[in-house]
Amino acid sequence: MPQQRLILNLLRSVHILSLSILLGGLYFEQPAEFLWPWTLGVIISGLGMFAIDLYASAIALFELRGLTILVKILLLLLIPLTTGHLQLGILFTMVVISSIMSHSTRKVRHHNIMPISFQTKFTPQAYNSNPAKRLSITRL
């Protein structure tokens, strides 16, 4: 995708800014109508970054970084079901998880959590060596 790095950096900036304002707004008990646009900013930018990762390689779903994103999405879905301090706790947890994952080594972030049998069946080598196997999980 052309300009992928630029788009990712812009999305990441919007994501961090929106999350910062949302977290601060919850901490200082701002009204929901003030926080709603920032909530949308967090959701849309986060899904945008995840979509770009999946476009590059759907294998991200089976790596620790993808699992972390799915956990954060589930946590985010809990926000409307909770109130006050619990919402704040969920967002604090998401920030800690994000910080740990984004500053982990590449080896940790890209650690594959698929069973070995599944990994060997769908590796690029297996795909290229057997023309009958045209299922590729590395491209959407």
Protein backbone atom coordinates (compact mmCIF):
# COMPACT_ATOMS: atom_id res chain seq x y z
CA MET A 1 0.00 0.00 0.00
CA PRO A 2 1.52 3.34 -1.00
CA GLN A 3 2.24 5.70 1.87
CA GLN A 4 1.45 2.96 4.39
CA ARG A 5 4.03 4.23 6.88
CA LEU A 6 2.68 7.79 6.71
CA ILE A 7 -0.91 6.61 7.16
CA LEU A 8 0.07 4.39 10.11
CA ASN A 9 1.92 7.27 11.78
CA LEU A 10 -1.04 9.61 11.31
CA LEU A 11 -3.47 7.01 12.64
CA ARG A 12 -1.17 6.29 15.59
CA SER A 13 -0.98 10.01 16.41
CA VAL A 14 -4.77 10.38 16.29
CA HIS A 15 -5.09 7.24 18.40
CA ILE A 16 -2.73 8.43 21.14
CA LEU A 17 -4.21 11.93 21.19
CA SER A 18 -7.79 10.66 21.32
CA LEU A 19 -6.99 8.12 24.03
CA SER A 20 -5.19 10.75 26.10
CA ILE A 21 -8.15 13.12 25.99
CA LEU A 22 -10.63 10.30 26.62
CA LEU A 23 -8.65 9.01 29.60
CA GLY A 24 -8.20 12.51 31.03
CA GLY A 25 -11.86 13.28 30.45
CA LEU A 26 -12.95 10.19 32.33
CA TYR A 27 -10.48 10.90 35.12
CA PHE A 28 -11.80 14.46 35.52
CA GLU A 29 -15.42 13.28 35.14
CA GLN A 30 -16.26 15.16 31.96
CA PRO A 31 -19.73 14.70 30.43
CA ALA A 32 -20.27 11.83 27.99
CA GLU A 33 -21.17 14.18 25.12
CA PHE A 34 -17.70 15.73 25.40
CA LEU A 35 -16.01 12.31 25.43
CA TRP A 36 -17.97 10.71 22.59
CA PRO A 37 -15.92 12.20 19.67
CA TRP A 38 -12.69 11.13 21.38
CA THR A 39 -14.09 7.64 21.92
CA LEU A 40 -14.84 7.44 18.21
CA GLY A 41 -11.32 8.71 17.47
CA VAL A 42 -9.82 5.88 19.53
CA ILE A 43 -12.03 3.24 17.91
CA ILE A 44 -11.68 4.40 14.29
CA SER A 45 -7.92 5.01 14.45
CA GLY A 46 -7.32 1.71 16.25
CA LEU A 47 -9.37 -0.28 13.76
CA GLY A 48 -7.62 1.57 10.92
CA MET A 49 -4.19 0.55 12.19
CA PHE A 50 -5.35 -3.03 12.69
CA ALA A 51 -6.85 -3.13 9.17
CA ILE A 52 -3.55 -1.98 7.66
CA ASP A 53 -1.71 -4.70 9.61
CA LEU A 54 -4.20 -7.32 8.40
CA TYR A 55 -3.96 -6.10 4.82
CA ALA A 56 -0.19 -6.52 4.96
CA SER A 57 -0.50 -9.98 6.50
CA ALA A 58 -3.41 -11.77 8.13
CA ILE A 59 -0.84 -13.74 10.10
CA ALA A 60 -1.04 -10.84 12.57
CA LEU A 61 -4.21 -12.49 13.90
CA PHE A 62 -2.09 -15.42 15.07
CA GLU A 63 0.73 -13.42 16.61
CA LEU A 64 0.92 -11.98 20.10
CA ARG A 65 0.43 -8.45 18.73
CA GLY A 66 -2.85 -9.47 17.07
CA LEU A 67 -4.07 -11.28 20.17
CA THR A 68 -3.28 -8.15 22.19
CA ILE A 69 -5.33 -6.02 19.81
CA LEU A 70 -8.27 -8.42 20.04
CA VAL A 71 -8.09 -8.30 23.86
CA LYS A 72 -8.05 -4.49 23.73
CA ILE A 73 -11.10 -4.49 21.43
CA LEU A 74 -12.94 -6.75 23.89
CA LEU A 75 -11.99 -4.44 26.76
CA LEU A 76 -13.19 -1.45 24.76
CA LEU A 77 -16.54 -3.16 24.21
CA LEU A 78 -16.92 -3.39 28.01
CA ILE A 79 -16.73 0.40 28.41
CA PRO A 80 -20.43 1.11 27.59
CA LEU A 81 -21.47 -1.64 30.00
CA THR A 82 -19.61 -0.08 32.92
CA THR A 83 -19.44 3.28 34.65
CA GLY A 84 -17.00 5.59 36.42
CA HIS A 85 -14.00 4.04 38.03
CA LEU A 86 -14.43 0.72 36.23
CA GLN A 87 -14.26 2.49 32.84
CA LEU A 88 -11.15 4.28 34.01
CA GLY A 89 -9.62 0.99 35.17
CA ILE A 90 -10.33 -0.62 31.80
CA LEU A 91 -8.66 2.25 29.94
CA PHE A 92 -5.67 2.24 32.31
CA THR A 93 -5.33 -1.50 31.66
CA MET A 94 -5.47 -0.91 27.90
CA VAL A 95 -2.74 1.75 28.14
CA VAL A 96 -0.49 -0.56 30.16
CA ILE A 97 -1.06 -3.48 27.76
CA SER A 98 -0.40 -1.22 24.76
CA SER A 99 2.72 0.27 26.27
CA ILE A 100 4.20 -3.10 27.17
CA MET A 101 3.42 -4.58 23.76
CA SER A 102 4.61 -1.62 21.69
CA HIS A 103 7.91 -1.46 23.56
CA SER A 104 8.50 -5.21 23.50
CA THR A 105 11.05 -6.74 21.21
CA ARG A 106 10.06 -7.72 17.70
CA LYS A 107 10.48 -11.35 18.72
CA VAL A 108 7.85 -10.95 21.44
CA ARG A 109 5.38 -8.91 19.35
CA HIS A 110 5.57 -11.34 16.43
CA HIS A 111 5.54 -14.50 18.55
CA ASN A 112 3.25 -16.92 16.74
CA ILE A 113 0.56 -18.43 18.97
CA MET A 114 -0.78 -20.88 16.37
CA PRO A 115 -0.32 -24.59 16.92
CA ILE A 116 2.78 -25.89 15.12
CA SER A 117 0.70 -28.16 12.85
CA PHE A 118 -1.31 -25.17 11.62
CA GLN A 119 1.85 -23.09 11.13
CA THR A 120 3.56 -25.70 8.98
CA LYS A 121 0.43 -26.30 6.91
CA PHE A 122 0.02 -22.65 5.95
CA THR A 123 3.56 -21.29 5.79
CA PRO A 124 4.60 -19.49 2.60
CA GLN A 125 6.92 -22.42 1.80
CA ALA A 126 4.03 -24.89 1.87
CA TYR A 127 1.95 -22.52 -0.23
CA ASN A 128 4.65 -22.09 -2.88
CA SER A 129 5.72 -25.73 -3.03
CA ASN A 130 2.25 -27.19 -3.55
CA PRO A 131 0.16 -25.50 -6.28
CA ALA A 132 -2.94 -27.36 -5.05
CA LYS A 133 -2.77 -25.39 -1.79
CA ARG A 134 -3.90 -21.94 -2.84
CA LEU A 135 -5.19 -20.88 0.58
CA SER A 136 -3.01 -18.13 1.88
CA ILE A 137 -3.51 -16.56 5.28
CA THR A 138 -0.74 -14.09 4.64
CA ARG A 139 -2.87 -11.90 2.35
CA LEU A 140 -6.49 -10.85 2.71
